[in-house]
N, C-alpha and C. Protein backbone atom coordinates (compact mmCIF):
# COMPACT_ATOMS: atom_id res chain seq x y z
N UNK A 1 -8.30 -14.05 -11.53
CA UNK A 1 -9.05 -13.48 -10.56
C UNK A 1 -8.66 -12.43 -9.57
N UNK A 2 -8.82 -11.12 -9.63
CA UNK A 2 -8.27 -10.25 -8.56
C UNK A 2 -9.10 -10.21 -7.32
N UNK A 3 -8.45 -9.81 -6.32
CA UNK A 3 -9.18 -9.73 -4.97
C UNK A 3 -8.40 -8.49 -4.44
N UNK A 4 -9.37 -8.30 -2.87
CA UNK A 4 -8.58 -6.97 -2.35
C UNK A 4 -7.94 -7.74 -1.11
N UNK A 5 -6.94 -7.13 -0.89
CA UNK A 5 -6.04 -7.40 0.65
C UNK A 5 -5.97 -6.17 1.13
N UNK A 6 -5.67 -6.28 2.58
CA UNK A 6 -5.02 -4.92 3.24
C UNK A 6 -3.62 -5.35 3.56
N UNK A 7 -2.73 -4.39 3.65
CA UNK A 7 -1.37 -4.32 4.13
C UNK A 7 -1.04 -3.09 5.00
N UNK A 8 -0.14 -3.46 6.03
CA UNK A 8 0.65 -2.12 6.60
C UNK A 8 1.64 -1.45 5.69
N UNK A 9 1.51 -0.09 5.75
CA UNK A 9 2.53 0.32 5.01
C UNK A 9 3.88 0.64 5.27
N UNK A 10 4.06 0.44 6.65
CA UNK A 10 5.08 0.32 7.25
C UNK A 10 6.26 -1.21 7.32
N UNK A 11 5.27 -2.17 7.04
CA UNK A 11 5.99 -3.49 7.17
C UNK A 11 5.64 -4.16 5.80
N UNK A 12 4.73 -3.69 5.30
CA UNK A 12 4.25 -4.46 3.95
C UNK A 12 3.28 -6.12 4.24
N UNK A 13 3.10 -6.37 5.62
CA UNK A 13 2.68 -7.49 6.14
C UNK A 13 0.92 -7.35 5.80
N UNK A 14 0.42 -8.61 5.62
CA UNK A 14 -0.96 -8.56 5.73
C UNK A 14 -1.51 -8.11 6.80
N UNK A 15 -2.52 -7.13 6.74
CA UNK A 15 -3.44 -7.18 8.03
C UNK A 15 -4.73 -7.18 8.11
N UNK A 16 -5.28 -7.50 9.15
CA UNK A 16 -7.06 -7.70 9.28
C UNK A 16 -7.84 -6.38 8.32
N UNK A 17 -9.11 -6.67 7.75
CA UNK A 17 -9.61 -5.52 7.46
C UNK A 17 -10.29 -4.81 8.71
N UNK A 18 -10.11 -5.20 9.68
CA UNK A 18 -10.51 -4.46 10.99
C UNK A 18 -9.37 -3.38 11.42
N UNK A 19 -8.23 -3.83 11.45
CA UNK A 19 -7.14 -3.31 11.50
C UNK A 19 -6.89 -2.16 10.47
N UNK A 20 -7.17 -2.43 9.24
CA UNK A 20 -7.14 -1.37 8.24
C UNK A 20 -8.29 -0.37 8.49
N UNK A 21 -9.46 -0.55 9.01
CA UNK A 21 -10.17 0.34 9.32
C UNK A 21 -9.81 1.15 10.19
N UNK A 22 -9.47 0.72 11.40
CA UNK A 22 -8.88 1.45 12.47
C UNK A 22 -7.48 2.41 12.43
N UNK A 23 -6.69 1.99 11.39
CA UNK A 23 -5.45 2.92 11.24
C UNK A 23 -5.41 3.08 9.64
N UNK A 24 -6.22 3.84 9.31
CA UNK A 24 -6.28 4.15 7.75
C UNK A 24 -5.25 5.12 7.25
N UNK A 25 -4.43 5.84 7.96
CA UNK A 25 -3.04 6.49 7.60
C UNK A 25 -1.85 5.56 7.21
N UNK A 26 -2.07 4.40 7.85
CA UNK A 26 -0.85 3.54 7.97
C UNK A 26 -1.20 2.09 7.18
N UNK A 27 -2.23 2.13 6.47
CA UNK A 27 -2.70 0.73 5.98
C UNK A 27 -3.25 1.27 4.64
N UNK A 28 -2.96 0.02 3.59
CA UNK A 28 -3.59 0.25 2.33
C UNK A 28 -4.32 -0.98 1.83
N UNK A 29 -5.38 -0.65 0.92
CA UNK A 29 -6.33 -1.79 0.59
C UNK A 29 -5.52 -2.04 -0.86
N UNK A 30 -5.32 -2.84 -1.23
CA UNK A 30 -4.92 -3.46 -2.60
C UNK A 30 -5.66 -4.32 -3.53
N UNK A 31 -5.75 -4.45 -4.85
CA UNK A 31 -6.62 -5.44 -5.71
C UNK A 31 -5.04 -6.29 -6.35
N UNK A 32 -5.13 -7.27 -6.09
CA UNK A 32 -4.31 -8.43 -6.47
C UNK A 32 -4.81 -9.49 -7.71
N UNK A 33 -3.91 -9.82 -8.31
CA UNK A 33 -4.05 -11.02 -8.95
C UNK A 33 -4.34 -10.34 -10.47
N UNK A 34 -3.93 -9.34 -10.68
CA UNK A 34 -4.12 -9.04 -12.22
C UNK A 34 -3.01 -9.13 -12.85
N UNK A 35 -2.90 -8.29 -14.04
CA UNK A 35 -1.94 -8.32 -14.84
C UNK A 35 -0.67 -7.71 -14.25
N UNK A 36 0.59 -8.11 -14.19
CA UNK A 36 1.77 -7.43 -13.59
C UNK A 36 2.34 -6.13 -14.30
N UNK A 37 2.47 -5.06 -13.73
CA UNK A 37 3.17 -3.77 -14.34
C UNK A 37 4.32 -3.58 -13.70
N UNK A 38 4.60 -2.03 -14.23
CA UNK A 38 5.97 -1.53 -13.36
C UNK A 38 5.85 -1.39 -12.01
N UNK A 39 6.71 -1.37 -11.33
CA UNK A 39 6.78 -1.26 -9.78
C UNK A 39 6.47 0.49 -9.70
N UNK A 40 5.57 0.53 -8.68
CA UNK A 40 5.09 2.10 -8.54
C UNK A 40 4.89 2.35 -6.86
N UNK A 41 4.88 3.38 -6.40
CA UNK A 41 4.94 3.58 -5.10
C UNK A 41 3.78 4.51 -4.99
N UNK A 42 3.01 4.12 -3.75
CA UNK A 42 1.61 4.85 -3.40
C UNK A 42 1.96 5.29 -1.87
N UNK A 43 1.12 6.60 -1.62
CA UNK A 43 1.03 6.95 -0.37
C UNK A 43 -0.34 6.21 -0.01
N UNK A 44 0.20 5.92 1.41
CA UNK A 44 -0.85 5.06 2.17
C UNK A 44 -1.86 6.21 2.75
N UNK A 45 -1.57 7.31 2.92
CA UNK A 45 -2.52 8.32 3.74
C UNK A 45 -3.28 8.80 2.45
N UNK A 46 -2.98 9.36 1.15
CA UNK A 46 -3.89 9.71 0.52
C UNK A 46 -4.19 8.70 -0.86
N UNK A 47 -3.35 7.77 -1.06
CA UNK A 47 -3.61 6.51 -2.03
C UNK A 47 -3.12 7.04 -3.50
N UNK A 48 -2.31 8.23 -3.39
CA UNK A 48 -1.87 8.62 -4.81
C UNK A 48 -0.47 8.18 -4.90
N UNK A 49 0.06 7.97 -6.30
CA UNK A 49 1.14 7.48 -6.63
C UNK A 49 2.12 8.69 -6.26
N UNK A 50 3.24 8.32 -5.84
CA UNK A 50 4.66 9.03 -5.68
C UNK A 50 5.59 8.83 -6.17
N UNK A 51 6.58 9.67 -6.23
CA UNK A 51 7.84 9.24 -6.81
C UNK A 51 8.96 8.62 -5.78
N UNK A 52 9.74 7.72 -6.51
CA UNK A 52 10.54 6.88 -5.52
C UNK A 52 11.24 7.83 -4.49
N UNK A 53 11.74 8.77 -4.80
CA UNK A 53 12.12 9.84 -3.75
C UNK A 53 11.49 9.99 -2.71
N UNK A 54 10.28 10.31 -3.02
CA UNK A 54 9.23 10.63 -1.91
C UNK A 54 8.87 9.27 -1.06
N UNK A 55 9.02 8.14 -1.60
CA UNK A 55 8.69 7.35 -0.87
C UNK A 55 9.87 6.40 0.04
N UNK A 56 11.24 7.15 -0.35
CA UNK A 56 12.52 6.69 0.22
C UNK A 56 12.07 7.74 1.59
N UNK A 57 11.92 8.71 1.39
CA UNK A 57 11.82 9.84 2.62
C UNK A 57 10.87 9.25 3.91
N UNK A 58 9.57 8.68 3.19
CA UNK A 58 8.69 8.36 4.08
C UNK A 58 8.31 6.85 3.63
N UNK A 59 9.23 5.73 4.32
CA UNK A 59 8.94 4.45 4.07
C UNK A 59 7.66 3.82 5.00
N UNK A 60 7.66 4.73 5.99
CA UNK A 60 6.18 4.05 6.74
C UNK A 60 4.84 4.51 6.43
N UNK A 61 4.70 5.45 5.44
CA UNK A 61 3.67 5.87 4.83
C UNK A 61 3.70 5.77 3.52
N UNK A 62 4.16 4.97 2.97
CA UNK A 62 4.17 4.48 1.67
C UNK A 62 4.24 3.14 1.24
N UNK A 63 3.84 2.51 0.34
CA UNK A 63 3.87 0.89 -0.23
C UNK A 63 4.42 0.93 -1.52
N UNK A 64 5.04 0.02 -1.81
CA UNK A 64 5.64 -0.53 -3.12
C UNK A 64 4.90 -1.56 -3.76
N UNK A 65 4.46 -1.19 -4.93
CA UNK A 65 3.55 -2.28 -5.76
C UNK A 65 4.23 -2.43 -7.30
N UNK A 66 4.29 -3.85 -7.12
CA UNK A 66 4.53 -4.26 -8.46
C UNK A 66 3.44 -4.58 -9.49
């Protein structure tokens, strides 16, 4: 069963929902517990998928998803 979690884009650590709401540009909300897929990178600012090169240039504003 899938559930939603919030993470810091910079550290990858879990954060409280209240922290995610007060820092929307540096946190992401994810759905976890579903089927595993390929590794992807997502912008914490826009929520869009980005290329690995973009994620490497902006490590505190992107998150790696598996």
